Amino acid sequence: MSDEVRKKLLRKKKIEQGMELAFEDNLSGFTKLIEDVRDGVDVPIDPVLNATGSRMDSFLGEAACGNAVEVVKYCLQKGADINWVGQHNRTPLQRALHNSAEDVIPVLLENGADMRLLFPQERDEEGNVVFRAWDPEDLNGLDCESHIAELLKKWDFSKTLTILEQRAGNKAAADVAKSAENEHVAAEFKSSSETLKQEYEKAVAIYKAAVQLREERIKDYDRAKCEGRLHVLDVAEGLIKESEAKVEETKTKVSVLEQKYKASEAKMRQHQVAMQGGIKYDTEITIGQLEDVIFADVGAQIINAKKVVPLVIDPSGNGLTFLTYRNCLLIDIANSHHMHPKQLRLNILGCLRFGKPLLINLRDKPLDVALATLKEKCEGSLVNLFQWLVLDKTIKEPSKYEQLISEEVEAENNELNRRRFTPTFTERFVVALISQQPYPEEKDMGNFYSVFVSA
C-alpha cells in the first residue's frame, strides 16, 4: 500500500471519528481531530469542515442531528456550509427536526438555515435550486413534533433571506479579492519561472561553449602530437583537463537549474489548475481498473464518449508500473531505440499482427511537447502514421497498416508478412497513451479519452 493511499484511508477513518465526536458534542475532541485531518497543512479550515463521511453527511449535519450546540456553533463560526445537502437530500436543519434537536434549531435559523430546503424544490438545467415563493402554511404538513413546528412558524423568514443575501454579497466580495490575489500570485509565479528559464538557457549556452572549447583543445592536442610538437603536449593536456572540469561544473549547474525551472513551471501550473477549480477528466479510476477501461473498454465508456484513444494521466507512475507487467507492448518516447523509424514500424506491426495492446509512455513532459515529439517520430516513419495511430486509430485498416510493411520487413520477419495479418487479431489492437504530467492542459487532452489514475 502506497503512502498516499495510506494517508487517504487514515483521513477517511478520522472523518468518521469526527462524525461521532460531532454528534456527541465533544468540542475539544472534535477540534483536535479537525487539526489532525488538516495534518498541519496550510489549507483553509472550511473545506475540511465540509468533508463528508460515508453517508455523505457533513460534520455540521451530524452535530445538528445530535443536538450538539457547541460543535454546531464552532462549525458555523469556521465557515461550514449551513445548507449542505447530504444523504436523502437532508440539510442540517432537516436532520435536527427529525431528531427533535430543539436546542440547535434556533442556532441554525439565526445563521441562515433555509427552511425552503425542507421541501422538494425544482432545479434548472445546471442543477441549481429554483426556489418557489415561501409559504409558512407549508410547515403545517411537516413531519416533526408540534412544538418544533411552532418554533419554525415563529421564525421571521425575512431574516433568513437577509442573512443569505448578506452571505452572498460577502462571498462575492471575497471571490473578487481572492481572484485579485490569485492573479498577483500567478504573476509572481510567471516572473519567477521566466527568470529561472533565462538562467537555465544561459547556463545551457555556457555549457555548450565549454563543450566546444574542450573539443577544440582536444583537436589542438591531437594536432600537436601529429606534428611532433611534444614540448606543448603537457600544456595542452592540462588545458583539456581544465576544460573537462569546466564541462562537468557547467553540466551540474544546468541540471540544477533545469530542476528548479521544471519545479517552478509545475507550481505555476498547479496554481492555474487550482484557480480553474481543478482539471476535468472523462473519468477517474483506480489502478486495478486500468486494464478494463483502457484496453477492454468495459462499459463502452470510450466509444460512448466518441473518442478512440485513451490518455491515461498517472502522476504517481504506479499505473505505468502496473501496466508494464500486463500483456501489452510499452514504447517510450524518450527511448531512441523505441522511436527509431524502423523499430517503431516493427512494434506497431507486431501489435497489429498479434492483436496486442500498444502503450506509449509520454513521460512527465508537458502534453503538447510530448505529443509533438511523438508526431515527429511517427511521421519520420510514415507521413500519416500519427493521425492513423493516435488520432483516429484507422491504422487497423489493411490499406493503412500495409504501408508500414516493406520488403525488408517481410524478408527479415516472416511473421510480419502481409498475408499473416487477419481481422481476428488486428481488430483486437488497442493503443493508449500514458503520461506522468500531473497538471496537463485540458486543451491538449481534447482529442483523447482522458483517464485519471488515483494513487
Protein backbone atom coordinates (compact mmCIF):
# COMPACT_ATOMS: atom_id res chain seq x y z
CA MET A 1 0.00 0.00 0.00
CA SER A 2 1.44 3.38 -1.01
CA ASP A 3 1.89 6.21 1.49
CA GLU A 4 -0.67 8.25 -0.42
CA VAL A 5 -3.32 5.53 -0.17
CA ARG A 6 -2.49 5.00 3.50
CA LYS A 7 -2.96 8.73 4.16
CA LYS A 8 -6.31 8.74 2.39
CA LEU A 9 -7.55 5.77 4.40
CA LEU A 10 -6.36 7.35 7.65
CA ARG A 11 -8.07 10.62 6.76
CA LYS A 12 -11.29 8.75 5.98
CA LYS A 13 -11.10 6.99 9.35
CA LYS A 14 -10.55 10.30 11.14
CA ILE A 15 -13.53 11.85 9.39
CA GLU A 16 -15.75 9.00 10.61
CA GLN A 17 -14.39 9.52 14.13
CA GLY A 18 -15.13 13.22 13.76
CA MET A 19 -18.74 12.44 12.91
CA GLU A 20 -19.11 10.60 16.21
CA LEU A 21 -17.44 13.40 18.18
CA ALA A 22 -19.66 15.99 16.49
CA PHE A 23 -22.81 14.03 17.33
CA GLU A 24 -21.69 13.69 20.96
CA ASP A 25 -20.92 17.45 21.21
CA ASN A 26 -17.34 16.62 22.24
CA LEU A 27 -15.94 20.00 21.21
CA SER A 28 -12.37 19.54 22.49
CA GLY A 29 -12.02 16.14 20.85
CA PHE A 30 -13.65 17.41 17.66
CA THR A 31 -11.42 20.47 17.26
CA LYS A 32 -8.31 18.37 17.88
CA LEU A 33 -9.41 15.88 15.26
CA ILE A 34 -10.07 18.65 12.72
CA GLU A 35 -6.48 19.81 13.12
CA ASP A 36 -5.32 16.21 12.70
CA VAL A 37 -7.29 15.93 9.46
CA ARG A 38 -5.65 19.13 8.22
CA ASP A 39 -2.37 17.43 9.14
CA GLY A 40 -0.58 20.71 9.66
CA VAL A 41 -1.10 21.64 6.02
CA ASP A 42 -1.72 25.30 5.32
CA VAL A 43 -5.23 24.86 3.93
CA PRO A 44 -8.43 26.72 4.81
CA ILE A 45 -10.41 25.03 7.54
CA ASP A 46 -13.82 25.31 5.86
CA PRO A 47 -13.21 22.61 3.19
CA VAL A 48 -12.17 20.27 5.99
CA LEU A 49 -15.31 21.08 7.96
CA ASN A 50 -17.38 20.41 4.85
CA ALA A 51 -15.79 16.99 4.42
CA THR A 52 -18.34 14.22 4.24
CA GLY A 53 -18.50 10.83 5.87
CA SER A 54 -19.59 7.50 4.43
CA ARG A 55 -23.22 8.68 4.39
CA MET A 56 -22.32 11.93 2.60
CA ASP A 57 -23.40 13.97 5.63
CA SER A 58 -21.29 16.82 6.97
CA PHE A 59 -19.92 17.37 10.46
CA LEU A 60 -22.47 20.15 10.92
CA GLY A 61 -25.30 17.84 9.90
CA GLU A 62 -24.13 15.21 12.36
CA ALA A 63 -23.84 17.77 15.16
CA ALA A 64 -27.29 19.14 14.36
CA CYS A 65 -28.71 15.63 14.48
CA GLY A 66 -27.16 15.12 17.92
CA ASN A 67 -28.40 18.48 19.28
CA ALA A 68 -24.71 19.30 19.80
CA VAL A 69 -24.91 23.07 20.26
CA GLU A 70 -21.21 23.74 20.91
CA VAL A 71 -19.99 21.82 17.87
CA VAL A 72 -22.70 23.41 15.72
CA LYS A 73 -21.58 26.89 16.78
CA TYR A 74 -17.93 26.00 16.16
CA CYS A 75 -18.65 24.65 12.68
CA LEU A 76 -20.68 27.72 11.73
CA GLN A 77 -18.05 30.07 13.12
CA LYS A 78 -15.40 28.36 10.99
CA GLY A 79 -17.40 28.55 7.77
CA ALA A 80 -19.23 25.23 7.45
CA ASP A 81 -21.99 25.19 4.83
CA ILE A 82 -25.21 25.56 6.81
CA ASN A 83 -27.38 24.38 3.92
CA TRP A 84 -25.26 21.39 2.92
CA VAL A 85 -27.49 18.75 1.35
CA GLY A 86 -26.42 15.30 2.47
CA GLN A 87 -27.84 11.81 2.24
CA HIS A 88 -31.55 11.62 1.32
CA ASN A 89 -31.44 15.36 0.48
CA ARG A 90 -31.29 16.27 4.17
CA THR A 91 -29.87 19.59 5.36
CA PRO A 92 -28.56 20.09 8.92
CA LEU A 93 -31.87 21.76 9.79
CA GLN A 94 -33.84 18.81 8.49
CA ARG A 95 -31.73 16.36 10.47
CA ALA A 96 -32.24 18.48 13.59
CA LEU A 97 -36.00 18.45 13.02
CA HIS A 98 -36.16 14.69 12.60
CA ASN A 99 -34.29 14.21 15.88
CA SER A 100 -36.21 16.96 17.69
CA ALA A 101 -32.91 18.72 18.41
CA GLU A 102 -34.65 21.84 19.65
CA ASP A 103 -31.53 23.45 21.15
CA VAL A 104 -29.70 23.71 17.83
CA ILE A 105 -32.68 24.69 15.66
CA PRO A 106 -32.64 28.38 16.76
CA VAL A 107 -28.87 28.48 16.22
CA LEU A 108 -29.28 27.13 12.70
CA LEU A 109 -32.09 29.55 11.86
CA GLU A 110 -30.15 32.54 13.17
CA ASN A 111 -27.27 31.58 10.88
CA GLY A 112 -29.24 31.26 7.66
CA ALA A 113 -30.66 27.73 7.63
CA ASP A 114 -33.10 27.81 4.72
CA MET A 115 -36.50 26.33 5.59
CA ARG A 116 -37.37 26.11 1.89
CA LEU A 117 -34.96 23.20 1.61
CA LEU A 118 -37.20 21.20 3.93
CA PHE A 119 -39.46 20.73 0.92
CA PRO A 120 -38.85 19.46 -2.64
CA GLN A 121 -37.66 22.20 -4.98
CA GLU A 122 -37.28 22.38 -8.73
CA ARG A 123 -33.87 22.66 -10.35
CA ASP A 124 -32.70 24.36 -13.52
CA GLU A 125 -30.71 22.71 -16.32
CA GLU A 126 -27.45 23.25 -14.44
CA GLY A 127 -28.81 21.61 -11.30
CA ASN A 128 -29.26 24.81 -9.31
CA VAL A 129 -32.26 25.00 -6.98
CA VAL A 130 -35.08 27.25 -8.22
CA PHE A 131 -36.90 28.29 -5.06
CA ARG A 132 -40.62 28.85 -5.15
CA ALA A 133 -42.15 31.58 -3.03
CA TRP A 134 -42.05 30.91 0.70
CA ASP A 135 -45.39 29.93 2.21
CA PRO A 136 -45.49 29.45 6.01
CA GLU A 137 -48.50 27.19 5.54
CA ASP A 138 -46.12 24.57 4.15
CA LEU A 139 -44.95 24.00 7.70
CA ASN A 140 -48.33 22.55 8.64
CA GLY A 141 -47.56 19.33 6.84
CA LEU A 142 -44.05 18.99 8.24
CA ASP A 143 -43.23 15.63 9.80
CA CYS A 144 -41.98 16.75 13.21
CA GLU A 145 -43.21 17.28 16.75
CA SER A 146 -45.76 20.05 17.16
CA HIS A 147 -43.64 22.24 19.43
CA ILE A 148 -40.80 22.06 16.89
CA ALA A 149 -43.19 23.11 14.12
CA GLU A 150 -44.32 26.05 16.26
CA LEU A 151 -40.69 27.05 16.73
CA LEU A 152 -40.29 27.24 12.96
CA LYS A 153 -43.55 29.12 12.44
CA LYS A 154 -42.45 31.83 14.85
CA TRP A 155 -39.27 32.42 12.90
CA ASP A 156 -39.30 35.51 10.67
CA PHE A 157 -38.28 34.07 7.30
CA SER A 158 -37.32 37.51 6.00
CA LYS A 159 -34.34 37.32 8.37
CA THR A 160 -33.21 34.18 6.57
CA LEU A 161 -33.36 35.95 3.22
CA THR A 162 -31.40 38.90 4.63
CA ILE A 163 -28.73 36.58 6.05
CA LEU A 164 -28.44 34.68 2.77
CA GLU A 165 -28.21 37.91 0.76
CA GLN A 166 -25.51 39.25 3.06
CA ARG A 167 -23.64 35.98 2.82
CA ALA A 168 -23.90 36.00 -0.97
CA GLY A 169 -22.60 39.57 -1.02
CA ASN A 170 -19.73 38.69 1.30
CA LYS A 171 -18.89 35.68 -0.83
CA ALA A 172 -18.90 37.77 -4.00
CA ALA A 173 -16.58 40.31 -2.38
CA ALA A 174 -14.34 37.53 -1.09
CA ASP A 175 -14.28 35.96 -4.55
CA VAL A 176 -13.19 39.26 -6.10
CA ALA A 177 -10.45 39.66 -3.50
CA LYS A 178 -9.38 36.06 -3.96
CA SER A 179 -9.31 36.48 -7.73
CA ALA A 180 -7.09 39.55 -7.41
CA GLU A 181 -4.81 37.68 -5.02
CA ASN A 182 -4.65 34.70 -7.37
CA GLU A 183 -3.75 36.94 -10.29
CA HIS A 184 -1.00 38.54 -8.22
CA VAL A 185 0.36 35.13 -7.20
CA ALA A 186 0.14 33.92 -10.81
CA ALA A 187 2.12 36.96 -11.97
CA GLU A 188 4.80 36.23 -9.36
CA PHE A 189 4.97 32.59 -10.44
CA LYS A 190 5.29 33.63 -14.07
CA SER A 191 8.02 36.15 -13.31
CA SER A 192 9.94 33.63 -11.22
CA SER A 193 9.56 30.96 -13.88
CA GLU A 194 10.75 33.27 -16.65
CA THR A 195 13.78 34.31 -14.59
CA LEU A 196 14.69 30.67 -13.97
CA LYS A 197 14.18 29.89 -17.64
CA GLN A 198 16.58 32.66 -18.64
CA GLU A 199 19.15 31.44 -16.11
CA TYR A 200 18.72 27.89 -17.39
CA GLU A 201 19.11 28.91 -21.04
CA LYS A 202 22.17 30.99 -20.15
CA ALA A 203 23.68 28.01 -18.30
CA VAL A 204 22.99 25.76 -21.30
CA ALA A 205 24.78 28.23 -23.58
CA ILE A 206 27.78 28.31 -21.22
CA TYR A 207 27.79 24.52 -21.08
CA LYS A 208 27.73 24.22 -24.87
CA ALA A 209 30.57 26.73 -25.13
CA ALA A 210 32.57 24.72 -22.57
CA VAL A 211 31.99 21.52 -24.56
CA GLN A 212 33.05 23.25 -27.77
CA LEU A 213 36.21 24.63 -26.13
CA ARG A 214 37.06 21.17 -24.81
CA GLU A 215 36.68 19.69 -28.30
CA GLU A 216 38.90 22.41 -29.77
CA ARG A 217 41.59 21.76 -27.15
CA ILE A 218 41.44 18.02 -27.85
CA LYS A 219 41.95 18.80 -31.54
CA ASP A 220 44.87 21.10 -30.67
CA TYR A 221 46.43 18.32 -28.62
CA ASP A 222 45.98 15.76 -31.43
CA ARG A 223 47.39 18.21 -33.98
CA ALA A 224 50.44 18.96 -31.83
CA LYS A 225 51.05 15.26 -31.32
CA CYS A 226 50.82 14.56 -35.06
CA GLU A 227 53.19 17.42 -35.83
CA GLY A 228 55.68 16.21 -33.27
CA ARG A 229 55.46 19.29 -31.05
CA LEU A 230 55.95 17.19 -27.96
CA HIS A 231 57.04 20.16 -25.84
CA VAL A 232 53.47 21.56 -25.82
CA LEU A 233 51.66 18.31 -25.06
CA ASP A 234 51.79 18.70 -21.29
CA VAL A 235 50.32 22.18 -21.51
CA ALA A 236 47.67 21.02 -23.99
CA GLU A 237 46.77 18.07 -21.76
CA GLY A 238 46.41 20.42 -18.80
CA LEU A 239 44.09 22.65 -20.80
CA ILE A 240 41.95 19.62 -21.72
CA LYS A 241 41.62 18.63 -18.06
CA GLU A 242 40.73 22.20 -17.21
CA SER A 243 38.04 22.14 -19.92
CA GLU A 244 36.69 18.81 -18.73
CA ALA A 245 36.35 20.19 -15.22
CA LYS A 246 34.53 23.22 -16.62
CA VAL A 247 32.20 21.00 -18.64
CA GLU A 248 31.30 18.96 -15.55
CA GLU A 249 30.81 22.11 -13.49
CA THR A 250 28.51 23.73 -16.04
CA LYS A 251 26.70 20.45 -16.66
CA THR A 252 25.88 20.20 -12.95
CA LYS A 253 24.66 23.79 -12.92
CA VAL A 254 22.45 23.13 -15.94
CA SER A 255 20.95 20.09 -14.22
CA VAL A 256 20.22 22.04 -11.01
CA LEU A 257 18.67 24.97 -12.88
CA GLU A 258 16.63 22.62 -15.06
CA GLN A 259 15.13 21.00 -11.97
CA LYS A 260 14.37 24.41 -10.44
CA TYR A 261 12.81 25.61 -13.67
CA LYS A 262 10.65 22.50 -14.00
CA ALA A 263 9.57 22.76 -10.37
CA SER A 264 8.65 26.41 -10.90
CA GLU A 265 6.65 25.55 -14.02
CA ALA A 266 4.86 22.78 -12.11
CA LYS A 267 3.96 25.16 -9.27
CA MET A 268 2.68 27.73 -11.73
CA ARG A 269 0.56 25.12 -13.48
CA GLN A 270 -0.69 23.81 -10.14
CA HIS A 271 -1.79 27.31 -9.21
CA GLN A 272 -3.54 27.74 -12.56
CA VAL A 273 -5.39 24.46 -12.06
CA ALA A 274 -6.47 25.50 -8.56
CA MET A 275 -7.77 28.82 -9.91
CA GLN A 276 -9.76 26.98 -12.57
CA GLY A 277 -11.33 24.68 -10.00
CA GLY A 278 -9.38 21.58 -10.98
CA ILE A 279 -8.91 19.58 -14.16
CA LYS A 280 -11.90 17.87 -15.73
CA TYR A 281 -11.19 14.31 -16.87
CA ASP A 282 -13.52 12.00 -18.76
CA THR A 283 -13.19 9.50 -15.93
CA GLU A 284 -11.22 8.82 -12.75
CA ILE A 285 -10.32 5.25 -11.86
CA THR A 286 -8.13 3.15 -9.59
CA ILE A 287 -5.07 1.26 -10.77
CA GLY A 288 -6.94 -2.04 -10.66
CA GLN A 289 -9.47 -0.76 -13.20
CA LEU A 290 -6.88 0.28 -15.78
CA GLU A 291 -6.91 -2.82 -17.96
CA ASP A 292 -10.70 -2.99 -18.13
CA VAL A 293 -11.06 0.67 -19.03
CA ILE A 294 -8.22 1.39 -21.45
CA PHE A 295 -7.68 -2.00 -23.09
CA ALA A 296 -11.13 -3.63 -22.96
CA ASP A 297 -13.32 -0.50 -22.76
CA VAL A 298 -15.66 -2.29 -20.37
CA GLY A 299 -18.93 -0.40 -20.32
CA ALA A 300 -18.09 1.16 -23.70
CA GLN A 301 -17.10 4.41 -21.99
CA ILE A 302 -14.57 5.36 -24.66
CA ILE A 303 -16.90 4.53 -27.55
CA ASN A 304 -19.80 6.37 -25.92
CA ALA A 305 -17.58 9.42 -25.47
CA LYS A 306 -16.99 9.27 -29.25
CA LYS A 307 -13.25 9.09 -28.74
CA VAL A 308 -10.90 6.37 -29.90
CA VAL A 309 -7.68 6.56 -27.90
CA PRO A 310 -7.43 6.75 -24.09
CA LEU A 311 -4.93 9.12 -22.49
CA VAL A 312 -4.00 7.96 -19.00
CA ILE A 313 -2.88 10.66 -16.57
CA ASP A 314 -0.78 8.83 -14.00
CA PRO A 315 1.19 11.34 -11.86
CA SER A 316 2.34 8.72 -9.35
CA GLY A 317 3.69 6.38 -12.05
CA ASN A 318 2.05 3.44 -10.28
CA GLY A 319 -0.34 2.90 -13.16
CA LEU A 320 2.57 2.64 -15.59
CA THR A 321 4.27 0.10 -13.34
CA PHE A 322 1.04 -1.91 -13.15
CA LEU A 323 0.56 -1.94 -16.92
CA THR A 324 4.21 -2.80 -17.59
CA TYR A 325 3.52 -6.26 -16.20
CA ARG A 326 0.40 -6.77 -18.27
CA ASN A 327 0.14 -8.26 -21.74
CA CYS A 328 0.97 -5.12 -23.70
CA LEU A 329 3.91 -3.60 -25.54
CA LEU A 330 5.35 -0.46 -23.97
CA ILE A 331 7.24 2.07 -26.05
CA ASP A 332 8.86 5.15 -24.55
CA ILE A 333 9.13 8.44 -26.44
CA ALA A 334 12.39 9.17 -24.60
CA ASN A 335 13.93 5.89 -25.79
CA SER A 336 15.80 6.50 -29.05
CA HIS A 337 15.71 2.79 -29.92
CA HIS A 338 11.92 2.62 -29.50
CA MET A 339 11.47 5.77 -31.57
CA HIS A 340 13.78 4.74 -34.42
CA PRO A 341 11.61 4.66 -37.58
CA LYS A 342 12.29 1.01 -38.31
CA GLN A 343 11.77 -0.15 -34.72
CA LEU A 344 8.60 1.91 -34.41
CA ARG A 345 7.23 0.22 -37.52
CA LEU A 346 8.10 -3.23 -36.19
CA ASN A 347 6.50 -2.53 -32.80
CA ILE A 348 3.25 -1.28 -34.33
CA LEU A 349 3.09 -4.10 -36.86
CA GLY A 350 3.80 -6.69 -34.16
CA CYS A 351 0.92 -5.40 -32.05
CA LEU A 352 -1.41 -5.38 -35.05
CA ARG A 353 -0.33 -8.84 -36.17
CA PHE A 354 -0.96 -10.43 -32.77
CA GLY A 355 -3.76 -8.18 -31.51
CA LYS A 356 -1.67 -6.85 -28.64
CA PRO A 357 -2.26 -3.52 -26.83
CA LEU A 358 0.31 -0.79 -27.50
CA LEU A 359 1.08 1.57 -24.63
CA ILE A 360 3.01 4.76 -25.41
CA ASN A 361 4.77 6.37 -22.45
CA LEU A 362 4.83 10.18 -22.78
CA ARG A 363 6.85 10.56 -19.57
CA ASP A 364 6.28 13.70 -17.48
CA LYS A 365 6.76 16.10 -20.37
CA PRO A 366 4.11 18.77 -20.99
CA LEU A 367 1.46 17.08 -23.10
CA ASP A 368 1.82 19.41 -26.07
CA VAL A 369 5.59 18.81 -26.14
CA ALA A 370 5.23 15.04 -25.72
CA LEU A 371 2.58 14.76 -28.44
CA ALA A 372 4.64 16.94 -30.79
CA THR A 373 7.63 14.64 -30.21
CA LEU A 374 5.51 11.56 -30.84
CA LYS A 375 4.08 13.09 -34.01
CA GLU A 376 7.55 13.94 -35.30
CA LYS A 377 8.80 10.41 -34.67
CA CYS A 378 5.72 8.81 -36.21
CA GLU A 379 5.89 10.94 -39.31
CA GLY A 380 9.57 10.10 -39.62
CA SER A 381 8.41 6.56 -40.23
CA LEU A 382 5.28 7.25 -42.30
CA VAL A 383 3.74 10.61 -43.15
CA ASN A 384 0.23 9.94 -41.80
CA LEU A 385 1.19 7.50 -39.05
CA PHE A 386 0.43 9.84 -36.13
CA GLN A 387 -3.05 10.55 -37.47
CA TRP A 388 -3.82 6.90 -38.15
CA LEU A 389 -2.29 5.55 -34.95
CA VAL A 390 -3.11 8.14 -32.30
CA LEU A 391 -5.95 10.33 -33.51
CA ASP A 392 -8.38 8.11 -35.41
CA LYS A 393 -6.87 4.61 -34.97
CA THR A 394 -7.56 3.76 -38.60
CA ILE A 395 -4.15 2.06 -38.63
CA LYS A 396 -6.16 -1.17 -38.21
CA GLU A 397 -7.33 -0.88 -41.82
CA PRO A 398 -5.26 -3.02 -44.24
CA SER A 399 -4.85 -0.10 -46.63
CA LYS A 400 -3.13 1.80 -43.81
CA TYR A 401 -1.00 -0.72 -41.95
CA GLU A 402 0.22 -2.38 -45.14
CA GLN A 403 2.06 0.84 -45.91
CA LEU A 404 4.27 0.02 -42.93
CA ILE A 405 5.21 -3.37 -44.37
CA SER A 406 8.23 -3.05 -46.59
CA GLU A 407 10.00 -5.83 -48.49
CA GLU A 408 12.80 -5.54 -45.95
CA VAL A 409 10.38 -6.11 -43.06
CA GLU A 410 8.85 -9.15 -44.73
CA ALA A 411 12.27 -10.57 -45.55
CA GLU A 412 13.58 -10.14 -42.01
CA ASN A 413 10.47 -11.31 -40.16
CA ASN A 414 8.20 -13.88 -41.73
CA GLU A 415 5.58 -13.29 -39.01
CA LEU A 416 5.07 -9.79 -40.39
CA ASN A 417 4.32 -11.00 -43.90
CA ARG A 418 1.21 -9.14 -45.03
CA ARG A 419 -0.61 -12.43 -45.67
CA ARG A 420 -0.38 -13.26 -41.96
CA PHE A 421 -2.41 -10.24 -40.85
CA THR A 422 -6.03 -11.18 -40.14
CA PRO A 423 -9.02 -9.15 -38.90
CA THR A 424 -9.33 -11.56 -35.97
CA PHE A 425 -6.17 -10.09 -34.49
CA THR A 426 -5.99 -6.59 -35.96
CA GLU A 427 -9.42 -5.73 -34.55
CA ARG A 428 -8.11 -6.51 -31.07
CA PHE A 429 -5.37 -3.92 -31.46
CA VAL A 430 -5.59 -1.12 -28.91
CA VAL A 431 -3.35 1.90 -28.47
CA ALA A 432 -3.22 4.01 -25.31
CA LEU A 433 -1.11 6.94 -24.19
CA ILE A 434 0.12 7.34 -20.62
CA SER A 435 1.58 10.48 -19.05
CA GLN A 436 3.03 11.29 -15.66
CA GLN A 437 2.36 15.00 -16.21
CA PRO A 438 0.44 15.99 -13.04
CA TYR A 439 -1.20 19.14 -14.42
CA PRO A 440 -1.99 18.60 -18.11
CA GLU A 441 -3.64 21.33 -20.14
CA GLU A 442 -7.24 20.42 -20.90
CA LYS A 443 -6.87 21.67 -24.47
CA ASP A 444 -4.17 19.05 -25.06
CA MET A 445 -6.47 16.27 -23.84
CA GLY A 446 -9.35 17.20 -26.13
CA ASN A 447 -8.71 14.54 -28.78
CA PHE A 448 -8.43 11.73 -26.25
CA TYR A 449 -10.49 9.93 -23.64
CA SER A 450 -8.78 11.27 -20.52
CA VAL A 451 -8.40 8.82 -17.64
CA PHE A 452 -7.02 9.99 -14.30
CA VAL A 453 -5.48 7.25 -12.17
CA SER A 454 -5.82 7.81 -8.43
CA ALA A 455 -2.83 6.55 -6.46
